[in-house]
N, C-alpha and C. Protein backbone atom coordinates (compact mmCIF):
# COMPACT_ATOMS: atom_id res chain seq x y z
N MET A 1 125.04 237.52 164.87
CA MET A 1 123.32 236.75 164.91
C MET A 1 122.36 236.25 164.56
N TYR A 2 121.56 235.12 165.01
CA TYR A 2 120.34 234.88 163.97
C TYR A 2 119.20 236.13 163.99
N LEU A 3 118.68 236.28 163.20
CA LEU A 3 117.50 237.14 163.26
C LEU A 3 116.44 236.22 163.25
N LEU A 4 115.47 237.14 163.70
CA LEU A 4 114.09 236.35 164.50
C LEU A 4 113.49 236.31 163.51
N ASP A 5 113.44 236.71 162.37
CA ASP A 5 112.55 236.09 160.70
C ASP A 5 113.41 235.05 160.26
N ASP A 6 114.70 235.09 160.31
CA ASP A 6 115.72 233.50 159.67
C ASP A 6 114.65 232.47 160.91
N ILE A 7 114.72 232.54 161.98
CA ILE A 7 115.08 231.46 162.59
C ILE A 7 113.32 231.07 162.35
N GLU A 8 112.32 232.12 162.70
CA GLU A 8 110.93 232.01 162.12
C GLU A 8 110.62 231.30 161.08
N GLN A 9 111.35 231.38 159.81
CA GLN A 9 111.20 231.03 158.41
C GLN A 9 111.80 229.34 158.24
N GLN A 10 113.02 229.17 159.12
CA GLN A 10 113.07 227.75 159.34
C GLN A 10 112.20 226.88 159.92
N LEU A 11 111.57 227.96 160.89
CA LEU A 11 110.58 227.10 161.66
C LEU A 11 108.88 226.89 161.03
N GLU A 12 109.15 227.36 160.36
CA GLU A 12 108.19 227.32 159.39
C GLU A 12 108.09 226.06 158.41
N ALA A 13 108.92 225.68 158.45
CA ALA A 13 108.98 224.28 157.70
C ALA A 13 109.44 223.13 158.44
N CYS A 14 108.69 223.37 160.16
CA CYS A 14 108.75 222.17 160.88
C CYS A 14 107.04 222.34 161.28
N THR A 15 107.39 220.78 162.04
CA THR A 15 105.78 220.77 162.74
C THR A 15 105.38 221.64 164.29
N GLU A 16 104.42 221.83 164.34
CA GLU A 16 103.48 222.20 165.37
C GLU A 16 104.26 221.58 166.68
N TRP A 17 104.73 220.24 166.83
CA TRP A 17 105.42 220.00 167.86
C TRP A 17 106.93 220.04 168.22
N GLN A 18 107.59 220.25 167.14
CA GLN A 18 109.19 220.63 166.74
C GLN A 18 109.22 222.53 167.45
N ARG A 19 108.27 223.35 166.65
CA ARG A 19 107.99 224.40 167.20
C ARG A 19 108.01 224.91 169.08
N THR A 20 107.19 223.84 169.27
CA THR A 20 107.12 223.31 170.85
C THR A 20 107.89 223.14 171.44
N LEU A 21 108.84 222.62 171.10
CA LEU A 21 110.20 221.65 171.32
C LEU A 21 111.47 222.65 171.49
N PHE A 22 110.72 223.21 170.24
CA PHE A 22 112.22 224.47 169.88
C PHE A 22 112.30 225.91 171.13
N ALA A 23 110.85 225.87 171.29
CA ALA A 23 110.22 226.81 172.70
C ALA A 23 110.84 226.54 174.11
N VAL A 24 110.64 225.42 174.23
CA VAL A 24 110.76 225.00 175.63
C VAL A 24 112.54 224.52 175.72
N SER A 25 112.91 224.30 174.73
CA SER A 25 114.29 224.99 174.59
C SER A 25 114.77 226.15 175.12
N MET A 26 114.56 226.89 174.76
CA MET A 26 114.77 227.98 174.73
C MET A 26 114.43 228.86 176.17
N ALA A 27 113.34 228.37 177.10
CA ALA A 27 112.77 228.88 178.21
C ALA A 27 114.03 227.75 179.30
N GLU A 28 114.12 226.77 179.15
CA GLU A 28 115.31 225.70 179.66
C GLU A 28 116.51 226.44 180.23
N ARG A 29 117.13 227.27 179.22
CA ARG A 29 118.13 227.85 178.43
C ARG A 29 118.13 229.12 179.40
N LEU A 30 116.77 229.20 180.41
CA LEU A 30 116.96 230.68 180.95
C LEU A 30 116.70 230.25 182.32
N PHE A 31 116.10 229.46 182.44
CA PHE A 31 115.31 228.92 183.82
C PHE A 31 116.12 229.14 184.99
N PRO A 32 117.83 229.04 185.32
CA PRO A 32 118.76 229.05 186.23
C PRO A 32 118.62 230.10 186.43
N ASN A 33 117.94 231.51 185.77
CA ASN A 33 117.95 232.85 186.01
C ASN A 33 117.05 233.09 186.79
N TYR A 34 116.23 232.55 186.87
CA TYR A 34 115.09 232.83 187.58
C TYR A 34 114.93 231.99 189.11
N ALA A 35 115.72 230.89 188.68
CA ALA A 35 116.01 229.81 189.97
C ALA A 35 116.55 230.58 191.38
N LEU A 36 118.50 231.17 190.62
CA LEU A 36 119.15 232.17 191.64
C LEU A 36 118.14 233.02 191.81
N PHE A 37 117.85 234.16 191.24
CA PHE A 37 116.63 235.35 191.68
C PHE A 37 116.10 234.99 192.93
N SER A 38 115.71 233.99 192.63
CA SER A 38 114.45 233.34 193.41
C SER A 38 114.41 233.16 194.81
N ARG A 39 115.76 232.50 194.82
CA ARG A 39 116.72 231.93 196.25
C ARG A 39 117.08 233.72 196.66
N VAL A 40 117.82 233.98 196.10
CA VAL A 40 118.36 235.34 196.87
C VAL A 40 117.96 236.57 196.69
N ALA A 41 116.26 236.88 196.32
CA ALA A 41 115.61 238.10 196.22
C ALA A 41 114.64 237.81 197.38
N GLU A 42 114.35 236.09 197.56
CA GLU A 42 113.44 235.49 198.16
C GLU A 42 112.31 236.05 197.75
N PHE A 43 111.64 235.60 196.60
CA PHE A 43 110.66 236.35 195.90
C PHE A 43 110.60 234.33 194.89
N GLY A 44 108.98 234.91 194.59
CA GLY A 44 108.27 234.09 194.03
C GLY A 44 108.45 232.62 194.06
N ASP A 45 108.36 231.94 192.91
CA ASP A 45 108.46 230.41 193.58
C ASP A 45 108.70 229.40 192.70
N VAL A 46 109.82 228.79 192.66
CA VAL A 46 110.79 228.51 191.23
C VAL A 46 109.61 227.06 190.88
N GLU A 47 109.20 226.91 191.46
CA GLU A 47 109.01 225.37 191.51
C GLU A 47 107.20 225.83 190.35
N VAL A 48 106.74 226.66 190.14
CA VAL A 48 105.87 226.96 189.26
C VAL A 48 106.67 227.25 187.68
N LEU A 49 107.92 227.99 188.04
CA LEU A 49 108.57 227.26 186.45
C LEU A 49 108.84 226.04 186.04
N ARG A 50 109.57 225.42 187.00
CA ARG A 50 109.93 223.85 186.72
C ARG A 50 108.58 222.87 186.45
N GLU A 51 107.69 223.50 187.11
CA GLU A 51 106.26 222.35 187.34
C GLU A 51 105.81 222.59 185.83
N ALA A 52 105.75 224.10 185.11
CA ALA A 52 105.37 224.30 183.67
C ALA A 52 106.48 223.94 182.39
N LEU A 53 107.20 223.93 183.03
CA LEU A 53 108.63 223.41 182.03
C LEU A 53 108.39 221.88 181.96
N ASP A 54 108.39 221.20 183.38
CA ASP A 54 108.53 219.44 183.73
C ASP A 54 107.57 219.21 182.31
N LYS A 55 106.14 219.57 182.91
CA LYS A 55 105.31 219.16 182.22
C LYS A 55 105.24 219.61 180.93
N LEU A 56 105.58 220.41 179.95
CA LEU A 56 105.92 220.40 178.45
C LEU A 56 107.26 219.37 177.91
N TRP A 57 107.98 219.39 178.66
CA TRP A 57 109.15 218.12 178.43
C TRP A 57 107.95 217.10 177.89
N ASP A 58 107.00 216.56 179.39
CA ASP A 58 106.48 215.25 179.13
C ASP A 58 105.56 215.60 178.14
N ARG A 59 104.75 216.61 178.00
CA ARG A 59 103.97 216.36 177.08
C ARG A 59 104.67 215.83 175.40
N LEU A 60 105.80 216.70 175.01
CA LEU A 60 106.49 217.10 174.31
C LEU A 60 106.91 215.02 173.89
N ALA A 61 107.79 214.54 174.87
CA ALA A 61 107.97 212.88 175.22
C ALA A 61 106.96 212.45 175.54
N ALA A 62 105.72 212.43 175.36
CA ALA A 62 104.05 211.38 174.99
C ALA A 62 104.31 210.60 176.42
N ARG A 63 104.49 211.31 177.18
CA ARG A 63 104.68 210.73 178.77
C ARG A 63 103.35 211.58 179.56
N ARG A 64 102.45 212.47 178.77
CA ARG A 64 102.10 213.43 179.39
C ARG A 64 100.95 213.81 178.38
N LYS A 65 99.54 213.68 178.82
CA LYS A 65 98.49 213.88 177.13
C LYS A 65 97.88 215.31 177.50
N VAL A 66 97.78 215.96 178.34
CA VAL A 66 97.25 217.58 178.59
C VAL A 66 98.00 217.88 179.71
N VAL A 67 98.34 219.26 179.03
CA VAL A 67 98.33 220.10 179.65
C VAL A 67 97.63 221.66 179.79
N HIS A 68 97.51 221.96 181.01
CA HIS A 68 96.84 223.44 181.12
C HIS A 68 97.09 224.33 180.97
N VAL A 69 97.57 224.70 179.92
CA VAL A 69 98.14 226.21 179.66
C VAL A 69 97.73 227.23 180.56
N GLU A 70 96.52 227.54 179.94
CA GLU A 70 95.62 228.86 181.07
C GLU A 70 96.00 228.63 182.25
N GLU A 71 96.00 227.59 183.55
CA GLU A 71 96.24 227.42 184.58
C GLU A 71 97.98 228.12 184.74
N LEU A 72 98.44 227.06 183.85
CA LEU A 72 100.00 227.12 184.02
C LEU A 72 100.65 229.01 183.87
N LEU A 73 99.90 229.77 182.85
CA LEU A 73 100.26 231.01 182.94
C LEU A 73 99.88 232.19 183.56
N ASP A 74 98.49 231.47 184.32
CA ASP A 74 97.88 232.39 185.69
C ASP A 74 99.34 232.41 187.00
N ALA A 75 99.12 231.10 186.66
CA ALA A 75 100.30 231.02 187.90
C ALA A 75 101.93 231.87 188.44
N LEU A 76 102.22 231.37 186.66
CA LEU A 76 103.18 231.95 185.75
C LEU A 76 103.46 233.91 186.32
N ASP A 77 101.94 234.28 186.05
CA ASP A 77 101.97 235.61 186.34
C ASP A 77 102.16 235.94 187.32
N GLU A 78 101.99 235.25 188.74
CA GLU A 78 101.84 235.75 189.92
C GLU A 78 102.94 235.80 190.56
N VAL A 79 104.04 234.63 189.50
CA VAL A 79 105.13 234.80 190.27
C VAL A 79 106.68 235.62 189.63
N THR A 80 106.15 236.34 188.72
CA THR A 80 106.81 237.09 187.76
C THR A 80 107.41 238.35 188.04
N PRO A 81 108.64 238.42 188.23
CA PRO A 81 109.00 239.79 189.35
C PRO A 81 108.50 241.20 188.49
N ASP A 82 108.43 242.22 189.11
CA ASP A 82 108.00 243.21 188.73
C ASP A 82 109.31 244.32 188.41
N LEU A 83 109.88 244.75 187.71
CA LEU A 83 111.12 245.46 187.68
C LEU A 83 111.09 247.01 188.18
N ASN A 84 109.95 247.08 188.44
CA ASN A 84 109.67 248.64 189.16
C ASN A 84 110.05 248.10 190.69
N GLU A 85 109.62 247.11 191.19
CA GLU A 85 109.94 246.32 192.76
C GLU A 85 111.23 246.21 193.31
N PHE A 86 112.06 246.19 192.05
CA PHE A 86 114.17 245.15 192.17
C PHE A 86 114.98 246.11 191.47
N ASP A 87 115.81 246.50 192.33
CA ASP A 87 117.34 247.64 191.65
C ASP A 87 118.05 246.47 191.82
N MET A 88 118.40 245.69 190.94
CA MET A 88 119.13 244.52 190.77
C MET A 88 119.20 243.82 189.42
N TYR A 89 120.28 243.96 189.11
CA TYR A 89 120.21 243.03 187.30
C TYR A 89 119.69 241.42 187.68
N GLY A 90 119.78 241.07 188.55
CA GLY A 90 118.66 239.76 188.18
C GLY A 90 117.28 239.65 188.20
N ALA A 91 116.75 240.76 188.67
CA ALA A 91 115.52 240.66 188.32
C ALA A 91 115.10 240.39 186.52
N HIS A 92 115.81 241.15 186.00
CA HIS A 92 115.91 241.31 184.26
C HIS A 92 116.25 239.82 184.30
N ALA A 93 117.06 239.34 184.35
CA ALA A 93 117.59 238.07 184.01
C ALA A 93 115.94 236.98 184.46
N ALA A 94 115.44 237.22 185.45
CA ALA A 94 114.52 236.51 186.05
C ALA A 94 113.42 236.66 184.64
N LEU A 95 112.68 238.07 184.81
CA LEU A 95 111.83 238.15 184.25
C LEU A 95 112.12 237.64 182.61
N ASP A 96 113.56 237.33 182.02
CA ASP A 96 113.45 237.24 180.80
C ASP A 96 112.81 235.66 181.07
N ALA A 97 113.20 235.06 181.85
CA ALA A 97 113.49 233.47 182.60
C ALA A 97 111.88 232.93 182.09
N CYS A 98 110.74 233.89 182.57
CA CYS A 98 109.51 234.03 182.74
C CYS A 98 108.54 234.12 181.43
N VAL A 99 108.87 235.02 180.83
CA VAL A 99 108.86 235.25 179.19
C VAL A 99 108.84 233.93 178.07
N ALA A 100 110.10 233.78 178.64
CA ALA A 100 110.11 232.41 177.95
C ALA A 100 109.45 231.06 177.96
N VAL A 101 109.32 230.68 179.13
CA VAL A 101 108.57 229.99 179.52
C VAL A 101 106.85 230.25 179.28
N ASN A 102 106.56 231.36 179.39
CA ASN A 102 105.62 232.18 178.77
C ASN A 102 105.24 231.63 177.75
N ILE A 103 106.18 232.05 176.68
CA ILE A 103 106.37 231.68 175.18
C ILE A 103 105.83 230.30 175.10
N ALA A 104 106.76 229.68 175.56
CA ALA A 104 106.93 228.06 175.17
C ALA A 104 105.53 227.62 175.90
N LEU A 105 104.90 227.80 176.54
CA LEU A 105 103.46 227.47 176.84
C LEU A 105 101.98 228.11 175.44
N THR A 106 102.64 229.07 175.01
CA THR A 106 101.80 230.30 174.07
C THR A 106 101.80 229.11 173.14
N THR A 107 103.55 228.74 172.84
CA THR A 107 103.58 227.62 171.31
C THR A 107 102.45 226.31 171.53
N LEU A 108 103.07 226.01 172.48
CA LEU A 108 102.46 224.39 172.68
C LEU A 108 100.83 224.78 172.50
N ASP A 109 100.14 225.85 172.84
CA ASP A 109 98.97 226.27 172.51
C ASP A 109 98.36 226.77 171.23
N SER A 110 99.57 227.64 170.55
CA SER A 110 99.57 228.24 169.21
C SER A 110 99.76 227.50 168.06
N GLY A 111 101.24 226.81 168.04
CA GLY A 111 101.60 226.01 167.27
C GLY A 111 102.41 226.99 166.34
N GLU A 112 102.00 228.15 166.60
CA GLU A 112 102.95 228.98 165.40
C GLU A 112 104.56 229.34 165.78
N ALA A 113 104.68 229.15 164.34
CA ALA A 113 106.20 229.74 164.30
C ALA A 113 107.06 230.86 164.73
N PHE A 114 106.44 231.81 164.61
CA PHE A 114 106.32 233.41 165.10
C PHE A 114 106.82 232.89 166.63
N ASP A 115 105.52 232.55 167.15
CA ASP A 115 106.08 232.53 168.88
C ASP A 115 107.03 231.87 169.27
N ALA A 116 107.29 229.94 168.54
CA ALA A 116 108.19 229.54 168.70
C ALA A 116 109.92 230.63 168.52
N ALA A 117 109.91 230.99 167.35
CA ALA A 117 110.70 232.18 167.51
C ALA A 117 110.90 233.33 167.94
N SER A 118 110.02 233.50 168.92
CA SER A 118 110.13 234.22 169.98
C SER A 118 110.90 234.12 171.21
N GLY A 119 110.76 232.90 171.45
CA GLY A 119 111.96 232.47 172.40
C GLY A 119 112.93 232.45 172.41
N ALA A 120 113.56 232.30 170.79
CA ALA A 120 115.35 232.73 170.58
C ALA A 120 115.69 234.05 170.96
N GLN A 121 114.61 235.05 170.54
CA GLN A 121 114.52 236.38 170.80
C GLN A 121 114.86 236.63 172.24
N VAL A 122 114.23 236.22 173.28
CA VAL A 122 114.42 236.66 174.43
C VAL A 122 115.86 236.27 175.03
N VAL A 123 116.27 235.07 174.16
CA VAL A 123 117.81 234.66 174.77
C VAL A 123 118.01 235.50 174.49
N GLN A 124 118.24 235.69 173.31
CA GLN A 124 119.21 236.99 172.52
C GLN A 124 118.96 238.11 173.56
N GLU A 125 118.30 238.76 173.99
CA GLU A 125 118.06 240.04 174.30
C GLU A 125 118.18 240.01 176.14
N CYS A 126 117.98 238.56 176.86
CA CYS A 126 118.61 238.37 178.18
C CYS A 126 120.18 238.42 177.46
N ILE A 127 120.78 237.82 176.56
CA ILE A 127 122.59 237.95 176.91
C ILE A 127 122.95 238.99 176.48
N ALA A 128 122.15 239.97 175.22
CA ALA A 128 122.33 241.78 175.29
C ALA A 128 122.50 242.48 176.58
N GLY A 129 121.57 241.61 177.16
CA GLY A 129 121.52 242.67 178.07
C GLY A 129 122.56 242.51 179.60
N TYR A 130 122.68 241.55 179.53
CA TYR A 130 124.32 240.85 180.42
C TYR A 130 125.12 241.68 179.95
N VAL A 131 125.49 241.53 178.39
CA VAL A 131 126.89 241.75 177.87
C VAL A 131 126.97 243.01 178.40
N GLU A 132 125.89 244.01 177.86
CA GLU A 132 125.81 245.77 178.65
C GLU A 132 126.09 246.04 179.95
N PHE A 133 125.47 244.84 180.72
CA PHE A 133 125.41 245.20 182.18
C PHE A 133 127.04 244.86 182.72
N THR A 134 127.54 244.15 182.09
CA THR A 134 128.75 243.56 182.41
C THR A 134 129.68 244.22 181.21
N ALA A 135 129.32 244.73 180.48
CA ALA A 135 130.53 245.70 180.22
C ALA A 135 131.87 246.02 180.67
N PRO A 136 133.10 246.62 179.86
CA PRO A 136 134.26 247.12 180.73
C PRO A 136 134.08 248.34 180.97
N ASN A 137 133.52 249.56 180.61
CA ASN A 137 133.50 250.75 180.74
C ASN A 137 131.72 251.20 179.66
N ASP A 138 131.56 252.26 180.73
CA ASP A 138 130.20 252.73 180.58
C ASP A 138 130.54 254.09 179.45
N GLU A 139 131.79 254.28 178.09
CA GLU A 139 131.73 255.24 177.59
C GLU A 139 132.16 254.50 176.06
N MET A 140 131.79 253.43 175.93
CA MET A 140 131.19 253.12 174.81
C MET A 140 130.61 253.52 174.14
N SER A 141 130.32 253.53 172.79
CA SER A 141 129.57 253.95 171.72
C SER A 141 128.52 253.39 171.61
N ASP A 142 127.33 253.30 170.65
CA ASP A 142 126.71 253.00 170.67
C ASP A 142 127.33 251.58 169.71
N GLU A 143 127.66 251.79 168.47
CA GLU A 143 128.00 250.85 167.54
C GLU A 143 129.00 249.65 168.35
N GLU A 144 130.60 250.15 169.29
CA GLU A 144 130.95 249.25 169.84
C GLU A 144 130.31 248.39 170.67
N LEU A 145 129.29 249.05 171.82
CA LEU A 145 128.35 248.29 172.34
C LEU A 145 128.01 247.00 171.39
N VAL A 146 127.01 247.11 170.24
CA VAL A 146 126.61 246.13 169.47
C VAL A 146 127.57 245.62 168.59
N ARG A 147 128.50 246.16 168.04
CA ARG A 147 129.66 245.01 168.23
C ARG A 147 129.97 243.98 169.09
N LEU A 148 129.96 244.37 170.59
CA LEU A 148 130.67 243.69 171.51
C LEU A 148 129.88 242.61 171.89
N ILE A 149 128.48 242.61 171.82
CA ILE A 149 127.04 242.25 172.08
C ILE A 149 127.31 240.70 170.90
N ASN A 150 127.39 241.42 169.27
CA ASN A 150 127.03 240.29 168.41
C ASN A 150 128.31 239.55 168.50
N THR A 151 129.26 239.76 168.72
CA THR A 151 130.86 239.26 168.82
C THR A 151 130.98 238.01 170.55
N HIS A 152 130.17 238.69 171.32
CA HIS A 152 130.51 237.95 172.44
C HIS A 152 129.99 236.44 172.46
N GLU A 153 131.30 235.81 173.09
CA GLU A 153 131.26 234.63 172.93
C GLU A 153 129.43 233.85 173.41
N MET A 154 129.02 234.38 174.53
CA MET A 154 127.50 233.66 175.05
C MET A 154 126.49 233.97 173.84
N MET A 155 126.71 234.79 172.68
CA MET A 155 125.73 235.08 171.71
C MET A 155 126.76 233.91 171.14
N GLN A 156 127.66 234.05 170.31
CA GLN A 156 128.19 232.95 169.50
C GLN A 156 127.84 231.20 169.93
N GLN A 157 127.86 231.20 171.16
CA GLN A 157 127.21 230.00 171.82
C GLN A 157 125.84 229.65 171.84
N GLN A 158 125.11 230.61 171.99
CA GLN A 158 123.51 230.37 171.51
C GLN A 158 123.71 230.09 170.59
N ASP A 159 124.03 231.37 169.64
CA ASP A 159 123.57 230.88 167.67
C ASP A 159 124.23 229.66 167.48
N ASP A 160 125.37 229.09 168.09
CA ASP A 160 125.31 227.71 167.85
C ASP A 160 124.88 226.73 168.64
N TYR A 161 123.60 226.98 169.15
CA TYR A 161 122.91 226.34 169.91
C TYR A 161 121.72 225.90 169.01
N VAL A 162 121.07 227.23 168.87
CA VAL A 162 120.17 227.48 167.65
C VAL A 162 120.18 226.06 166.79
N ALA A 163 121.32 226.56 165.66
CA ALA A 163 121.92 225.95 164.80
C ALA A 163 121.94 224.43 164.79
N TRP A 164 122.81 224.08 165.83
CA TRP A 164 122.41 222.89 166.18
C TRP A 164 121.30 222.18 166.92
N LEU A 165 120.03 222.79 166.87
CA LEU A 165 118.30 222.63 167.55
C LEU A 165 117.53 222.55 165.96
N LEU A 166 117.90 223.67 165.67
CA LEU A 166 117.25 223.36 164.12
C LEU A 166 117.48 222.18 163.41
N GLU A 167 118.78 222.07 163.04
CA GLU A 167 119.31 220.39 162.29
C GLU A 167 119.43 219.39 163.22
N GLU A 168 118.77 219.28 164.54
CA GLU A 168 118.22 218.46 165.29
C GLU A 168 117.00 217.88 164.70
N LEU A 169 116.21 219.36 165.06
CA LEU A 169 114.24 219.32 164.15
C LEU A 169 114.93 218.95 162.72
N ARG A 170 115.21 218.97 162.00
CA ARG A 170 115.38 218.28 160.14
C ARG A 170 115.33 216.99 160.43
N GLN A 171 116.58 216.52 160.88
CA GLN A 171 116.62 215.02 161.21
C GLN A 171 115.70 214.40 162.11
N HIS A 172 115.10 215.05 162.75
CA HIS A 172 113.92 214.02 163.63
C HIS A 172 112.39 214.53 162.88
N PRO A 173 112.00 213.60 162.04
CA PRO A 173 110.70 214.53 161.42
C PRO A 173 109.36 213.97 162.85
N THR A 174 109.73 212.87 163.33
CA THR A 174 108.26 212.54 163.70
C THR A 174 108.98 212.32 165.61
N PRO A 175 108.34 212.55 166.53
CA PRO A 175 109.30 213.13 167.79
C PRO A 175 109.58 211.32 168.64
N ASN A 176 110.37 211.14 169.43
CA ASN A 176 110.70 210.09 169.81
C ASN A 176 111.41 210.31 171.56
N ALA A 177 111.22 209.28 172.23
CA ALA A 177 111.24 209.85 174.05
C ALA A 177 112.67 210.65 174.07
N SER A 178 113.40 209.20 174.06
CA SER A 178 114.46 209.36 174.33
C SER A 178 115.57 210.17 173.34
N TRP A 179 115.25 210.91 172.51
CA TRP A 179 115.97 211.86 171.70
C TRP A 179 115.56 213.24 172.53
N ILE A 180 113.98 213.08 172.54
CA ILE A 180 113.66 214.24 173.21
C ILE A 180 114.30 214.39 174.43
N ASP A 181 114.41 213.58 175.22
CA ASP A 181 115.73 213.56 176.33
C ASP A 181 117.15 214.48 176.38
N GLU A 182 117.36 213.85 175.35
CA GLU A 182 118.76 214.09 175.19
C GLU A 182 118.87 215.86 174.47
N ILE A 183 117.73 216.48 174.20
CA ILE A 183 117.39 217.39 173.84
C ILE A 183 117.40 218.46 174.60
N ARG A 184 116.41 218.02 175.78
CA ARG A 184 116.60 218.17 177.03
C ARG A 184 117.63 218.23 177.86
N GLU A 185 118.18 217.48 177.95
CA GLU A 185 120.27 217.22 178.88
C GLU A 185 120.77 218.56 178.41
N ALA A 186 120.41 218.38 176.49
CA ALA A 186 121.60 219.50 176.15
C ALA A 186 120.78 220.81 176.15
N ALA A 187 119.93 221.49 176.34
CA ALA A 187 119.30 222.63 177.03
C ALA A 187 119.26 222.76 178.45
N GLU A 188 119.69 221.82 179.47
CA GLU A 188 119.63 221.75 181.14
C GLU A 188 120.88 222.72 180.95
N ASN A 189 122.28 222.13 180.15
CA ASN A 189 123.30 222.94 180.00
C ASN A 189 124.29 222.78 181.46
N ASP A 190 124.15 221.27 182.01
CA ASP A 190 124.91 221.28 183.15
C ASP A 190 124.35 222.35 184.29
N GLY A 191 123.16 222.92 184.08
CA GLY A 191 122.34 223.63 184.96
C GLY A 191 122.76 225.24 184.82
N TYR A 192 123.42 225.54 183.74
CA TYR A 192 124.10 226.98 183.56
C TYR A 192 122.81 227.36 182.75
N SER A 193 122.75 228.55 182.96
CA SER A 193 121.59 229.20 182.03
C SER A 193 122.50 229.46 180.74
N ALA A 194 121.80 230.67 179.76
CA ALA A 194 122.72 231.07 178.42
C ALA A 194 123.96 232.51 178.58
N ILE A 195 123.23 233.02 179.98
CA ILE A 195 124.18 234.03 180.57
C ILE A 195 125.39 233.34 181.65
N GLY A 196 125.77 232.01 181.59
CA GLY A 196 126.63 231.57 182.41
C GLY A 196 125.67 231.78 183.82
N ILE A 197 124.25 231.38 184.12
CA ILE A 197 124.25 232.03 185.72
C ILE A 197 123.83 230.46 186.11
N CYS A 198 124.00 229.92 187.60
CA CYS A 198 123.98 228.52 188.08
C CYS A 198 123.22 228.60 189.44
N ASP A 199 122.51 228.09 189.73
CA ASP A 199 122.00 228.13 191.12
C ASP A 199 122.55 226.41 191.52
N GLU A 200 123.54 226.57 192.30
CA GLU A 200 124.24 225.64 193.39
C GLU A 200 123.08 225.16 194.04
N GLU A 201 122.25 225.98 194.94
CA GLU A 201 121.32 225.45 195.63
C GLU A 201 120.10 224.73 195.35
N GLU A 202 119.91 225.19 193.60
CA GLU A 202 118.38 224.53 193.14
C GLU A 202 118.81 223.17 193.65
C-alpha cells in the first residue's frame, strides 16, 4: 500500500495543475459513494458534489477560467453527512467522498503536494473501512486485519491506479484537454467507486 509520504514526494516533482488533477481523480473515485447514499438515505444533494467536480475538471481542461472555491466549499459543507445522525455504513463512505472533494478544491487553491496526496489517503482509508466492515469475522487480530486490508483486491487496484496516474503525470508536463478527458474517464471507472459502489439511478 502506498504511504502518504511516498505519494507526496512524487507530487512534489509535479506542477500545481498536476497536483490538482491528482486530487480531483481521487475525489472522482469516491463520488459514487455519496450518490448512492444520498438517494437511499434521502439526504443532501448529489448535484453539489457533481458540480464541484465538473468545474474542477473543466478548469483543468481549460474549459473554465474561474472556480469559486469558497462558494463550493460552503455548499459542500451543507450537504456533508454527520455520522452522529446516521447508523449506517453508507454515511461513512459518503463522508469520505465529501472529504475528497473538499481536498480537491483545497488543492486547486493551495497547489500543495501534501493536500493532493491527502486525497489518496482518504481513498485508502475508505477502502480500509470497507474491508473492515465486510471482514469475514469480527474475531480477527489487529495484525490479521491489517494484512487483510493491505492485500485486499480493492487496495491493490487503488495502488495500481495511483501508480498509473503518477506515471501519466510524469509523461504529460503540460495540460492537454483530450488527455485530461481520458484521465477523467479512467477515474470515473464506469460509475463504480474505489470500493465497488455504483448508483444505478445516478
